[in-house]
Amino acid sequence: MCKNESCHETSMRINHMSSSLPSRDLNRWREAGTLIPHYYKTRAMTYMTTRHCPLCCSVAKAYHQDRDRAYAQCLNCQLVFVHPEAFLSAQEEKSRYDLHQNSPSDTGYRTFLSRMCVPMMHRLPRGSCGLDFGCGPGPTLSVMFEESGYPMAIYDPFYAADESVLENDYDFVTATEVIEHVQRPKQSLKRMWRCVKAGGYLGIMTQLVIDQDAFAKWHYKDDETHICFYSQATFGWIARQWETEPVFVGHGVIIFQKPKCSRSMAPSPKLSHTSSNMEDDATSFHHCSE
């Protein structure tokens, strides 16, 4: 349990509370392009103050309110996240991704992904095996690695949903522009970490929260498929759970090396849920239905 209430029970309670919000009116206001009345914003922000963090289960505080969504920030790990009332359905979410035109033939997209590919290759001998987690409708990063001599597997719940690849261990795992879409980051990050061999690497690419003023003007939050936002402090918290250090490479690339030997990798009794750590047997990804 976290804070005397399990994350699941908290989520159920908050979902029940949010059902009393005027969602039909909210949709009508969105379609009309009008501002959301103040009373809705006030109620949404009030609910956000009672929300528990989906990453560490700690209490969160209201952080920001824009025309469509309310955001909270965890008081412990500093994750910023949106209220579940604003989540898209799986069908709506996939329809957004289907519009993406990314492909290996797009040189601009290759340049973008090189921010992850190049620093990972510098850390890995040729022949290292990798997994691209959340490859999307046009897998490209995996192609770039394979062209350079790194065998790859891919996984995406919409476009490459073979979960058997998640049962293997890899020298490295990449997740580029993925974790900001995840509804249950605690479980999804642990799922990625489990796939990394001891001494291997997990590379994450996402834009970082700077501060509250910058967040208010930030275009990255305006993508309605983006629901979790991470800062350097958040990745520092994650690294402590994994007994490692985050390495920030360039703009929005974070690399973790899995310790070759750590107490978290040794057999141990099941941890109490009273601690705000990332130990949880459940696994999920943002595309998967609950």
Protein backbone atom coordinates (compact mmCIF):
# COMPACT_ATOMS: atom_id res chain seq x y z
CA MET A 1 0.00 0.00 0.00
CA CYS A 2 1.16 3.57 -0.57
CA LYS A 3 0.09 6.28 1.86
CA ASN A 4 -2.37 3.78 3.43
CA GLU A 5 -4.07 3.28 0.07
CA SER A 6 -3.00 1.19 -2.90
CA CYS A 7 -2.31 2.93 -6.20
CA HIS A 8 -5.07 0.86 -7.80
CA GLU A 9 -7.60 1.80 -5.15
CA THR A 10 -6.56 5.43 -5.37
CA SER A 11 -6.99 5.37 -9.13
CA MET A 12 -10.45 3.82 -8.81
CA ARG A 13 -11.44 6.44 -6.25
CA ILE A 14 -10.19 9.30 -8.37
CA ASN A 15 -11.85 7.89 -11.50
CA HIS A 16 -15.12 7.68 -9.59
CA MET A 17 -14.74 11.26 -8.38
CA SER A 18 -13.84 12.48 -11.86
CA SER A 19 -17.00 10.91 -13.26
CA SER A 20 -18.90 13.72 -11.55
CA LEU A 21 -17.01 16.31 -13.59
CA PRO A 22 -18.99 17.82 -16.50
CA SER A 23 -17.14 15.88 -19.23
CA ARG A 24 -19.94 16.33 -21.77
CA ASP A 25 -19.80 20.06 -21.21
CA LEU A 26 -16.00 19.90 -21.45
CA ASN A 27 -16.21 18.23 -24.87
CA ARG A 28 -18.78 20.79 -26.01
CA TRP A 29 -16.51 23.64 -24.92
CA ARG A 30 -13.53 22.04 -26.69
CA GLU A 31 -15.46 21.58 -29.94
CA ALA A 32 -16.71 25.16 -29.82
CA GLY A 33 -13.20 26.45 -29.17
CA THR A 34 -14.35 28.35 -26.11
CA LEU A 35 -12.68 28.71 -22.75
CA ILE A 36 -13.47 26.21 -20.02
CA PRO A 37 -15.52 27.85 -17.24
CA HIS A 38 -13.64 28.63 -14.07
CA TYR A 39 -15.66 26.25 -11.92
CA TYR A 40 -14.53 23.26 -14.00
CA LYS A 41 -10.91 24.33 -13.74
CA THR A 42 -11.26 24.78 -9.98
CA ARG A 43 -12.78 21.34 -9.52
CA ALA A 44 -10.22 19.68 -11.78
CA MET A 45 -7.35 21.32 -9.90
CA THR A 46 -8.90 20.28 -6.58
CA TYR A 47 -8.96 16.66 -7.72
CA MET A 48 -5.33 16.93 -8.82
CA THR A 49 -4.29 17.82 -5.28
CA THR A 50 -5.63 14.44 -4.10
CA ARG A 51 -4.06 12.44 -6.90
CA HIS A 52 -1.21 10.01 -6.25
CA CYS A 53 1.80 9.86 -8.55
CA PRO A 54 1.69 7.07 -11.17
CA LEU A 55 5.46 6.67 -10.89
CA CYS A 56 6.15 6.52 -7.15
CA CYS A 57 2.66 6.62 -5.54
CA SER A 58 3.44 9.73 -3.49
CA VAL A 59 1.06 12.65 -3.07
CA ALA A 60 0.99 15.23 -5.86
CA LYS A 61 0.07 18.91 -5.90
CA ALA A 62 -1.68 21.00 -8.54
CA TYR A 63 0.92 22.28 -11.00
CA HIS A 64 -0.70 23.82 -14.07
CA GLN A 65 -4.09 24.29 -15.75
CA ASP A 66 -4.55 25.08 -19.41
CA ARG A 67 -7.64 25.25 -21.58
CA ASP A 68 -8.10 21.49 -21.80
CA ARG A 69 -6.16 19.73 -19.07
CA ALA A 70 -5.11 19.90 -15.43
CA TYR A 71 -1.58 18.85 -14.44
CA ALA A 72 -0.12 17.79 -11.10
CA GLN A 73 3.45 17.41 -9.87
CA CYS A 74 4.61 14.69 -7.51
CA LEU A 75 6.08 16.00 -4.26
CA ASN A 76 8.56 13.12 -4.19
CA CYS A 77 9.87 12.25 -7.68
CA GLN A 78 8.78 15.53 -9.36
CA LEU A 79 6.92 13.79 -12.20
CA VAL A 80 4.34 16.06 -13.85
CA PHE A 81 1.24 14.29 -15.12
CA VAL A 82 -2.26 14.99 -16.37
CA HIS A 83 -5.58 14.02 -14.81
CA PRO A 84 -6.93 10.68 -16.15
CA GLU A 85 -10.08 12.52 -17.25
CA ALA A 86 -7.98 13.86 -20.12
CA PHE A 87 -6.66 10.49 -21.31
CA LEU A 88 -7.52 9.51 -24.87
CA SER A 89 -9.06 6.12 -25.55
CA ALA A 90 -6.77 3.52 -27.11
CA GLN A 91 -8.55 3.99 -30.44
CA GLU A 92 -8.16 7.78 -30.32
CA GLU A 93 -4.53 7.45 -29.35
CA LYS A 94 -3.72 5.04 -32.17
CA SER A 95 -5.48 7.28 -34.67
CA ARG A 96 -2.99 10.04 -33.76
CA TYR A 97 -0.01 7.72 -34.27
CA ASP A 98 -1.39 6.47 -37.59
CA LEU A 99 -0.88 10.00 -38.90
CA HIS A 100 2.87 9.87 -38.28
CA GLN A 101 4.92 9.78 -41.47
CA ASN A 102 8.18 8.56 -39.93
CA SER A 103 10.19 6.02 -41.93
CA PRO A 104 13.81 4.92 -42.51
CA SER A 105 13.83 6.87 -45.77
CA ASP A 106 13.26 10.16 -43.93
CA THR A 107 16.71 11.72 -43.46
CA GLY A 108 15.38 14.32 -41.04
CA TYR A 109 13.93 11.60 -38.82
CA ARG A 110 17.23 9.70 -38.96
CA THR A 111 19.05 12.84 -37.84
CA PHE A 112 16.62 13.21 -34.95
CA LEU A 113 17.11 9.58 -33.85
CA SER A 114 20.90 9.83 -34.17
CA ARG A 115 20.80 11.71 -30.86
CA MET A 116 20.07 8.31 -29.31
CA CYS A 117 21.84 6.03 -31.78
CA VAL A 118 25.28 7.63 -31.70
CA PRO A 119 25.87 7.78 -27.93
CA MET A 120 24.56 4.23 -27.50
CA MET A 121 26.92 2.91 -30.19
CA HIS A 122 29.82 4.63 -28.45
CA ARG A 123 29.07 2.51 -25.37
CA LEU A 124 28.47 -0.81 -27.11
CA PRO A 125 30.67 -3.17 -29.15
CA ARG A 126 29.39 -4.07 -32.59
CA GLY A 127 27.25 -7.19 -32.42
CA SER A 128 25.46 -6.12 -29.22
CA CYS A 129 21.78 -7.04 -29.33
CA GLY A 130 19.11 -4.44 -28.64
CA LEU A 131 15.38 -3.88 -28.24
CA ASP A 132 13.57 -0.78 -29.48
CA PHE A 133 10.63 -0.44 -27.08
CA GLY A 134 7.77 1.57 -28.60
CA CYS A 135 9.01 1.54 -32.18
CA GLY A 136 5.84 3.12 -33.60
CA PRO A 137 4.29 2.64 -37.05
CA GLY A 138 7.55 3.22 -38.96
CA PRO A 139 10.43 1.49 -37.12
CA THR A 140 13.59 3.41 -37.95
CA LEU A 141 15.95 3.42 -34.97
CA SER A 142 16.15 -0.38 -35.15
CA VAL A 143 17.06 -0.12 -38.84
CA MET A 144 19.82 2.37 -38.06
CA PHE A 145 21.33 0.05 -35.45
CA GLU A 146 21.09 -3.00 -37.73
CA GLU A 147 22.81 -1.13 -40.55
CA SER A 148 25.74 -0.60 -38.18
CA GLY A 149 25.94 -4.21 -37.04
CA TYR A 150 23.66 -4.29 -34.00
CA PRO A 151 20.92 -6.99 -34.22
CA MET A 152 17.57 -5.60 -33.05
CA ALA A 153 14.15 -6.69 -31.82
CA ILE A 154 11.20 -4.31 -31.79
CA TYR A 155 8.11 -3.96 -29.63
CA ASP A 156 5.08 -1.72 -29.81
CA PRO A 157 1.61 -2.60 -28.48
CA PHE A 158 -0.04 -1.18 -31.60
CA TYR A 159 2.40 -1.97 -34.38
CA ALA A 160 4.69 -4.79 -33.20
CA ALA A 161 2.78 -6.46 -30.38
CA ASP A 162 4.75 -9.70 -30.04
CA GLU A 163 5.29 -9.75 -26.27
CA SER A 164 7.61 -12.75 -26.50
CA VAL A 165 10.44 -10.30 -27.26
CA LEU A 166 9.99 -8.90 -23.75
CA GLU A 167 10.94 -12.25 -22.26
CA ASN A 168 14.52 -11.91 -23.50
CA ASP A 169 17.52 -10.01 -22.13
CA TYR A 170 19.33 -7.44 -24.27
CA ASP A 171 22.63 -5.59 -24.21
CA PHE A 172 20.65 -2.39 -24.62
CA VAL A 173 17.06 -1.14 -24.76
CA THR A 174 15.91 2.13 -26.32
CA ALA A 175 12.69 4.09 -25.85
CA THR A 176 12.59 7.24 -27.99
CA GLU A 177 9.65 9.58 -27.50
CA VAL A 178 7.74 6.87 -25.62
CA ILE A 179 7.54 7.45 -21.89
CA GLU A 180 5.67 10.75 -22.16
CA HIS A 181 2.75 8.70 -23.56
CA VAL A 182 2.72 6.13 -20.74
CA GLN A 183 -0.25 6.02 -18.37
CA ARG A 184 1.53 3.71 -15.90
CA PRO A 185 5.20 4.74 -16.03
CA LYS A 186 6.18 2.76 -12.95
CA GLN A 187 5.27 -0.53 -14.56
CA SER A 188 6.44 0.36 -18.07
CA LEU A 189 9.87 1.54 -16.96
CA LYS A 190 10.36 -1.54 -14.85
CA ARG A 191 9.39 -3.68 -17.84
CA MET A 192 12.11 -2.02 -19.93
CA TRP A 193 14.69 -2.33 -17.15
CA ARG A 194 13.99 -6.03 -16.75
CA CYS A 195 14.96 -6.54 -20.40
CA VAL A 196 18.43 -5.02 -19.89
CA LYS A 197 21.30 -7.40 -19.15
CA ALA A 198 23.57 -6.69 -16.19
CA GLY A 199 26.10 -4.16 -17.42
CA GLY A 200 23.83 -3.17 -20.30
CA TYR A 201 22.14 0.14 -21.08
CA LEU A 202 18.68 1.68 -21.21
CA GLY A 203 18.41 4.80 -23.36
CA ILE A 204 15.42 7.13 -23.07
CA MET A 205 14.62 10.14 -25.20
CA THR A 206 12.04 12.69 -24.07
CA GLN A 207 11.92 16.44 -23.55
CA LEU A 208 12.52 17.63 -20.00
CA VAL A 209 10.48 19.80 -17.66
CA ILE A 210 12.50 22.89 -16.69
CA ASP A 211 10.25 24.84 -14.34
CA GLN A 212 6.64 25.93 -13.91
CA ASP A 213 6.93 29.13 -15.95
CA ALA A 214 8.55 27.33 -18.87
CA PHE A 215 5.96 24.56 -18.64
CA ALA A 216 3.11 27.04 -19.12
CA LYS A 217 4.56 28.05 -22.51
CA TRP A 218 5.82 24.60 -23.51
CA HIS A 219 4.54 23.23 -26.82
CA TYR A 220 5.44 19.67 -25.76
CA LYS A 221 2.62 19.54 -23.23
CA ASP A 222 0.07 20.51 -25.89
CA ASP A 223 0.20 17.14 -27.60
CA GLU A 224 -2.82 15.38 -26.10
CA THR A 225 -1.05 12.00 -26.29
CA HIS A 226 1.63 13.36 -23.93
CA ILE A 227 0.49 12.71 -20.36
CA CYS A 228 3.66 12.32 -18.24
CA PHE A 229 6.53 14.79 -18.14
CA TYR A 230 9.95 14.17 -16.61
CA SER A 231 12.70 16.40 -15.29
CA GLN A 232 16.32 15.75 -14.36
CA ALA A 233 15.11 15.33 -10.78
CA THR A 234 12.65 12.65 -11.89
CA PHE A 235 15.34 10.69 -13.70
CA GLY A 236 17.57 11.08 -10.65
CA TRP A 237 14.85 9.48 -8.54
CA ILE A 238 14.45 6.63 -11.06
CA ALA A 239 18.21 6.04 -11.08
CA ARG A 240 18.29 5.73 -7.30
CA GLN A 241 15.67 2.98 -7.44
CA TRP A 242 17.90 1.15 -9.92
CA GLU A 243 21.14 1.82 -8.00
CA THR A 244 22.72 3.62 -10.93
CA GLU A 245 23.26 7.15 -12.25
CA PRO A 246 21.51 8.94 -15.11
CA VAL A 247 23.76 10.27 -17.86
CA PHE A 248 22.23 13.22 -19.70
CA VAL A 249 23.47 13.34 -23.28
CA GLY A 250 22.72 16.38 -25.39
CA HIS A 251 19.09 17.47 -25.53
CA GLY A 252 16.61 15.09 -23.93
CA VAL A 253 18.60 11.84 -24.06
CA ILE A 254 19.13 9.94 -20.80
CA ILE A 255 21.20 6.77 -20.52
CA PHE A 256 21.26 4.37 -17.57
CA GLN A 257 23.75 1.54 -17.16
CA LYS A 258 22.47 -1.48 -15.26
CA PRO A 259 24.85 -2.45 -12.43
CA LYS A 260 26.70 -5.71 -12.99
CA CYS A 261 25.96 -6.65 -9.41
CA SER A 262 23.44 -5.01 -7.08
CA ARG A 263 21.17 -5.99 -4.23
CA SER A 264 18.13 -5.16 -6.40
CA MET A 265 19.16 -7.97 -8.79
CA ALA A 266 19.54 -10.59 -6.07
CA PRO A 267 16.65 -12.79 -4.88
CA SER A 268 14.88 -11.09 -1.99
CA PRO A 269 11.58 -11.16 -0.14
CA LYS A 270 8.78 -9.21 -1.80
CA LEU A 271 9.06 -5.56 -0.83
CA SER A 272 6.37 -3.87 1.19
CA HIS A 273 4.10 -1.60 -0.81
CA THR A 274 4.43 1.05 1.88
CA SER A 275 7.64 2.24 0.23
CA SER A 276 7.54 4.59 -2.74
CA ASN A 277 9.78 2.52 -5.01
CA MET A 278 9.41 0.99 -8.44
CA GLU A 279 8.87 -2.61 -7.30
CA ASP A 280 5.64 -3.82 -8.83
CA ASP A 281 4.87 -7.12 -10.55
CA ALA A 282 2.29 -5.59 -12.88
CA THR A 283 3.41 -4.55 -16.35
CA SER A 284 1.77 -2.26 -18.86
CA PHE A 285 2.30 0.21 -21.65
CA HIS A 286 0.31 3.24 -22.66
CA HIS A 287 -1.35 1.52 -25.60
CA CYS A 288 -2.58 -1.41 -23.51
CA SER A 289 -6.09 -1.31 -22.09
CA GLU A 290 -6.39 -1.55 -18.33
